[in-house]
Amino acid sequence: MISIPYHPLPTETVATLRDGGAFESEGVPPILATSAGYLVKGYTADERICYGTGKIIAPEAITTYAAALLERPEIAFFDVRSASNNCFLTRITHA
């Protein structure tokens, strides 16, 4: 038998996801401070992965890597996923 641990999300995270609201504050969303690493991939305007942008990033490095990706003219947005199970967490776009 396989046992899979269950870890509920914090109430404020669930409320944000349920309401579908954008995170509009300084810094990174709280959901990006709950893991040791995140998989980040940059995408072009036609939603194709931009080769070479996929990287596992520590939470404290997300802001720096985000700024570097968004400076590149071919990057329209990037997705942040769980590095351990590849679940989608959030999309970061130009302001």
N, C-alpha and C. Protein backbone atom coordinates (compact mmCIF):
# COMPACT_ATOMS: atom_id res chain seq x y z
N MET A 1 0.84 -1.17 0.00
CA MET A 1 0.00 0.00 0.00
C MET A 1 0.89 1.24 0.00
N ILE A 2 0.47 2.26 -0.74
CA ILE A 2 1.20 3.52 -0.81
C ILE A 2 0.50 4.53 0.08
N SER A 3 1.28 5.22 0.88
CA SER A 3 0.74 6.27 1.74
C SER A 3 1.22 7.62 1.21
N ILE A 4 0.30 8.52 0.96
CA ILE A 4 0.63 9.85 0.46
C ILE A 4 0.25 10.87 1.53
N PRO A 5 1.24 11.59 2.06
CA PRO A 5 0.93 12.58 3.10
C PRO A 5 0.09 13.73 2.55
N TYR A 6 -0.79 14.23 3.36
CA TYR A 6 -1.65 15.35 2.98
C TYR A 6 -1.22 16.58 3.75
N HIS A 7 -0.98 17.67 3.05
CA HIS A 7 -0.60 18.93 3.68
C HIS A 7 -1.56 20.01 3.20
N PRO A 8 -2.52 20.42 4.04
CA PRO A 8 -3.48 21.45 3.60
C PRO A 8 -2.81 22.79 3.36
N LEU A 9 -3.37 23.55 2.43
CA LEU A 9 -2.87 24.90 2.15
C LEU A 9 -3.34 25.85 3.24
N PRO A 10 -2.56 26.90 3.51
CA PRO A 10 -3.02 27.91 4.46
C PRO A 10 -4.32 28.56 3.98
N THR A 11 -5.16 28.97 4.90
CA THR A 11 -6.47 29.54 4.57
C THR A 11 -6.38 30.70 3.61
N GLU A 12 -5.40 31.60 3.79
CA GLU A 12 -5.30 32.77 2.90
C GLU A 12 -4.94 32.36 1.48
N THR A 13 -4.17 31.30 1.33
CA THR A 13 -3.82 30.81 -0.01
C THR A 13 -5.05 30.24 -0.70
N VAL A 14 -5.83 29.47 0.03
CA VAL A 14 -7.05 28.90 -0.53
C VAL A 14 -8.01 30.00 -0.93
N ALA A 15 -8.15 31.04 -0.11
CA ALA A 15 -9.04 32.16 -0.43
C ALA A 15 -8.59 32.86 -1.70
N THR A 16 -7.30 33.07 -1.86
CA THR A 16 -6.78 33.72 -3.06
C THR A 16 -7.05 32.88 -4.29
N LEU A 17 -6.79 31.58 -4.19
CA LEU A 17 -7.04 30.69 -5.32
C LEU A 17 -8.53 30.65 -5.67
N ARG A 18 -9.38 30.58 -4.66
CA ARG A 18 -10.82 30.51 -4.88
C ARG A 18 -11.34 31.81 -5.51
N ASP A 19 -10.84 32.94 -5.03
CA ASP A 19 -11.31 34.23 -5.54
C ASP A 19 -10.70 34.58 -6.89
N GLY A 20 -9.62 33.91 -7.26
CA GLY A 20 -8.99 34.15 -8.55
C GLY A 20 -8.31 35.50 -8.66
N GLY A 21 -8.08 36.14 -7.53
CA GLY A 21 -7.47 37.46 -7.56
C GLY A 21 -5.98 37.41 -7.83
N ALA A 22 -5.50 38.45 -8.45
CA ALA A 22 -4.07 38.56 -8.71
C ALA A 22 -3.36 39.01 -7.44
N PHE A 23 -2.14 38.56 -7.27
CA PHE A 23 -1.31 39.00 -6.16
C PHE A 23 -0.75 40.36 -6.53
N GLU A 24 -1.12 41.38 -5.79
CA GLU A 24 -0.68 42.74 -6.10
C GLU A 24 -0.03 43.34 -4.86
N SER A 25 1.23 42.99 -4.69
CA SER A 25 1.98 43.47 -3.54
C SER A 25 3.46 43.39 -3.86
N GLU A 26 4.27 43.97 -3.01
CA GLU A 26 5.72 43.86 -3.17
C GLU A 26 6.16 42.46 -2.78
N GLY A 27 7.22 41.98 -3.39
CA GLY A 27 7.74 40.67 -3.04
C GLY A 27 7.04 39.55 -3.80
N VAL A 28 7.17 38.36 -3.27
CA VAL A 28 6.58 37.19 -3.94
C VAL A 28 5.33 36.73 -3.21
N PRO A 29 4.42 36.07 -3.93
CA PRO A 29 3.22 35.54 -3.27
C PRO A 29 3.59 34.55 -2.17
N PRO A 30 2.79 34.46 -1.12
CA PRO A 30 3.08 33.53 -0.02
C PRO A 30 3.26 32.08 -0.48
N ILE A 31 2.58 31.68 -1.54
CA ILE A 31 2.69 30.30 -2.01
C ILE A 31 4.10 29.98 -2.48
N LEU A 32 4.90 31.01 -2.78
CA LEU A 32 6.27 30.78 -3.23
C LEU A 32 7.28 30.86 -2.09
N ALA A 33 6.80 30.65 -0.88
CA ALA A 33 7.70 30.64 0.27
C ALA A 33 7.49 29.36 1.09
N THR A 34 6.93 28.34 0.46
CA THR A 34 6.59 27.13 1.20
C THR A 34 7.40 25.91 0.80
N SER A 35 8.35 26.06 -0.10
CA SER A 35 9.11 24.92 -0.59
C SER A 35 10.59 25.28 -0.70
N ALA A 36 11.42 24.27 -0.82
CA ALA A 36 12.86 24.50 -0.95
C ALA A 36 13.25 24.93 -2.36
N GLY A 37 12.40 24.64 -3.35
CA GLY A 37 12.72 25.00 -4.72
C GLY A 37 11.51 24.97 -5.62
N TYR A 38 11.58 25.75 -6.71
CA TYR A 38 10.48 25.86 -7.67
C TYR A 38 11.02 25.73 -9.09
N LEU A 39 10.26 25.10 -9.94
CA LEU A 39 10.62 24.98 -11.35
C LEU A 39 10.05 26.19 -12.08
N VAL A 40 10.92 26.93 -12.75
CA VAL A 40 10.51 28.14 -13.47
C VAL A 40 10.81 27.93 -14.95
N LYS A 41 9.81 28.24 -15.81
CA LYS A 41 10.00 28.14 -17.26
C LYS A 41 9.43 29.40 -17.91
N GLY A 42 10.22 30.00 -18.80
CA GLY A 42 9.78 31.18 -19.53
C GLY A 42 9.07 30.77 -20.81
N TYR A 43 8.08 31.57 -21.22
CA TYR A 43 7.28 31.30 -22.41
C TYR A 43 7.26 32.52 -23.33
N THR A 44 7.12 32.25 -24.62
CA THR A 44 7.00 33.31 -25.60
C THR A 44 5.53 33.75 -25.68
N ALA A 45 5.26 34.80 -26.45
CA ALA A 45 3.90 35.31 -26.58
C ALA A 45 2.94 34.27 -27.16
N ASP A 46 3.44 33.34 -27.96
CA ASP A 46 2.57 32.29 -28.51
C ASP A 46 2.55 31.04 -27.62
N GLU A 47 2.93 31.23 -26.35
CA GLU A 47 2.85 30.22 -25.30
C GLU A 47 3.72 28.99 -25.54
N ARG A 48 4.88 29.21 -26.14
CA ARG A 48 5.84 28.13 -26.32
C ARG A 48 6.96 28.31 -25.30
N ILE A 49 7.44 27.20 -24.77
CA ILE A 49 8.54 27.27 -23.80
C ILE A 49 9.77 27.84 -24.49
N CYS A 50 10.39 28.79 -23.85
CA CYS A 50 11.61 29.39 -24.38
C CYS A 50 12.79 28.55 -23.90
N TYR A 51 13.47 27.91 -24.85
CA TYR A 51 14.55 26.99 -24.54
C TYR A 51 15.59 27.63 -23.62
N GLY A 52 16.00 26.87 -22.62
CA GLY A 52 17.04 27.33 -21.72
C GLY A 52 16.55 28.08 -20.50
N THR A 53 15.24 28.31 -20.38
CA THR A 53 14.74 29.06 -19.23
C THR A 53 14.31 28.16 -18.08
N GLY A 54 14.11 26.88 -18.32
CA GLY A 54 13.70 25.96 -17.27
C GLY A 54 14.79 25.78 -16.24
N LYS A 55 14.46 26.09 -15.00
CA LYS A 55 15.47 26.07 -13.95
C LYS A 55 14.79 25.85 -12.60
N ILE A 56 15.43 25.11 -11.73
CA ILE A 56 14.93 24.99 -10.36
C ILE A 56 15.59 26.09 -9.54
N ILE A 57 14.73 26.90 -8.90
CA ILE A 57 15.17 28.11 -8.21
C ILE A 57 14.77 28.04 -6.74
N ALA A 58 15.66 28.46 -5.86
CA ALA A 58 15.35 28.57 -4.43
C ALA A 58 14.40 29.76 -4.22
N PRO A 59 13.55 29.72 -3.21
CA PRO A 59 12.59 30.81 -2.99
C PRO A 59 13.23 32.19 -2.92
N GLU A 60 14.38 32.29 -2.29
CA GLU A 60 15.02 33.60 -2.15
C GLU A 60 15.60 34.13 -3.46
N ALA A 61 15.68 33.29 -4.49
CA ALA A 61 16.23 33.72 -5.78
C ALA A 61 15.15 33.98 -6.84
N ILE A 62 13.88 33.78 -6.49
CA ILE A 62 12.81 33.94 -7.48
C ILE A 62 12.73 35.37 -8.00
N THR A 63 12.82 36.36 -7.14
CA THR A 63 12.71 37.75 -7.55
C THR A 63 13.80 38.12 -8.55
N THR A 64 15.02 37.71 -8.27
CA THR A 64 16.14 38.01 -9.17
C THR A 64 15.98 37.30 -10.51
N TYR A 65 15.61 36.01 -10.47
CA TYR A 65 15.45 35.26 -11.72
C TYR A 65 14.26 35.80 -12.53
N ALA A 66 13.19 36.18 -11.84
CA ALA A 66 12.02 36.75 -12.51
C ALA A 66 12.39 38.02 -13.25
N ALA A 67 13.13 38.90 -12.59
CA ALA A 67 13.54 40.16 -13.23
C ALA A 67 14.41 39.88 -14.45
N ALA A 68 15.33 38.93 -14.33
CA ALA A 68 16.22 38.59 -15.46
C ALA A 68 15.43 38.03 -16.64
N LEU A 69 14.46 37.15 -16.36
CA LEU A 69 13.65 36.59 -17.45
C LEU A 69 12.81 37.66 -18.13
N LEU A 70 12.18 38.51 -17.33
CA LEU A 70 11.28 39.51 -17.92
C LEU A 70 12.02 40.62 -18.66
N GLU A 71 13.33 40.73 -18.48
CA GLU A 71 14.12 41.68 -19.27
C GLU A 71 14.35 41.18 -20.69
N ARG A 72 14.22 39.88 -20.89
CA ARG A 72 14.44 39.30 -22.21
C ARG A 72 13.21 39.59 -23.10
N PRO A 73 13.40 40.16 -24.27
CA PRO A 73 12.28 40.56 -25.12
C PRO A 73 11.41 39.40 -25.60
N GLU A 74 11.98 38.20 -25.70
CA GLU A 74 11.19 37.06 -26.19
C GLU A 74 10.32 36.42 -25.11
N ILE A 75 10.52 36.80 -23.84
CA ILE A 75 9.74 36.22 -22.74
C ILE A 75 8.49 37.07 -22.49
N ALA A 76 7.33 36.44 -22.67
CA ALA A 76 6.06 37.12 -22.40
C ALA A 76 5.60 36.90 -20.97
N PHE A 77 5.89 35.72 -20.42
CA PHE A 77 5.51 35.37 -19.05
C PHE A 77 6.31 34.14 -18.66
N PHE A 78 6.23 33.79 -17.39
CA PHE A 78 6.79 32.50 -16.97
C PHE A 78 5.91 31.87 -15.93
N ASP A 79 5.95 30.56 -15.92
CA ASP A 79 5.18 29.78 -14.96
C ASP A 79 6.10 29.27 -13.87
N VAL A 80 5.56 29.20 -12.67
CA VAL A 80 6.28 28.64 -11.53
C VAL A 80 5.51 27.38 -11.12
N ARG A 81 6.26 26.29 -11.05
CA ARG A 81 5.67 24.99 -10.71
C ARG A 81 6.43 24.39 -9.53
N SER A 82 5.81 23.43 -8.90
CA SER A 82 6.48 22.69 -7.84
C SER A 82 7.66 21.93 -8.42
N ALA A 83 8.82 22.04 -7.80
CA ALA A 83 10.00 21.32 -8.29
C ALA A 83 9.90 19.84 -7.96
N SER A 84 9.10 19.48 -6.97
CA SER A 84 9.03 18.08 -6.56
C SER A 84 7.96 17.28 -7.31
N ASN A 85 6.84 17.91 -7.67
CA ASN A 85 5.79 17.14 -8.35
C ASN A 85 5.21 17.84 -9.58
N ASN A 86 5.79 18.96 -9.98
CA ASN A 86 5.44 19.67 -11.22
C ASN A 86 4.04 20.30 -11.23
N CYS A 87 3.42 20.47 -10.08
CA CYS A 87 2.11 21.13 -10.03
C CYS A 87 2.27 22.61 -10.33
N PHE A 88 1.34 23.15 -11.12
CA PHE A 88 1.33 24.57 -11.44
C PHE A 88 1.00 25.36 -10.16
N LEU A 89 1.77 26.44 -9.93
CA LEU A 89 1.54 27.29 -8.77
C LEU A 89 1.07 28.68 -9.17
N THR A 90 1.79 29.32 -10.09
CA THR A 90 1.42 30.66 -10.48
C THR A 90 2.08 31.05 -11.81
N ARG A 91 1.55 32.08 -12.43
CA ARG A 91 2.12 32.63 -13.66
C ARG A 91 2.54 34.07 -13.34
N ILE A 92 3.72 34.45 -13.79
CA ILE A 92 4.22 35.81 -13.57
C ILE A 92 4.37 36.48 -14.91
N THR A 93 3.78 37.67 -15.04
CA THR A 93 3.76 38.41 -16.30
C THR A 93 4.35 39.81 -16.08
N HIS A 94 4.51 40.53 -17.16
CA HIS A 94 4.93 41.93 -17.07
C HIS A 94 3.81 42.72 -16.39
N ALA A 95 4.18 43.70 -15.60
CA ALA A 95 3.17 44.52 -14.90
C ALA A 95 2.46 45.44 -15.87
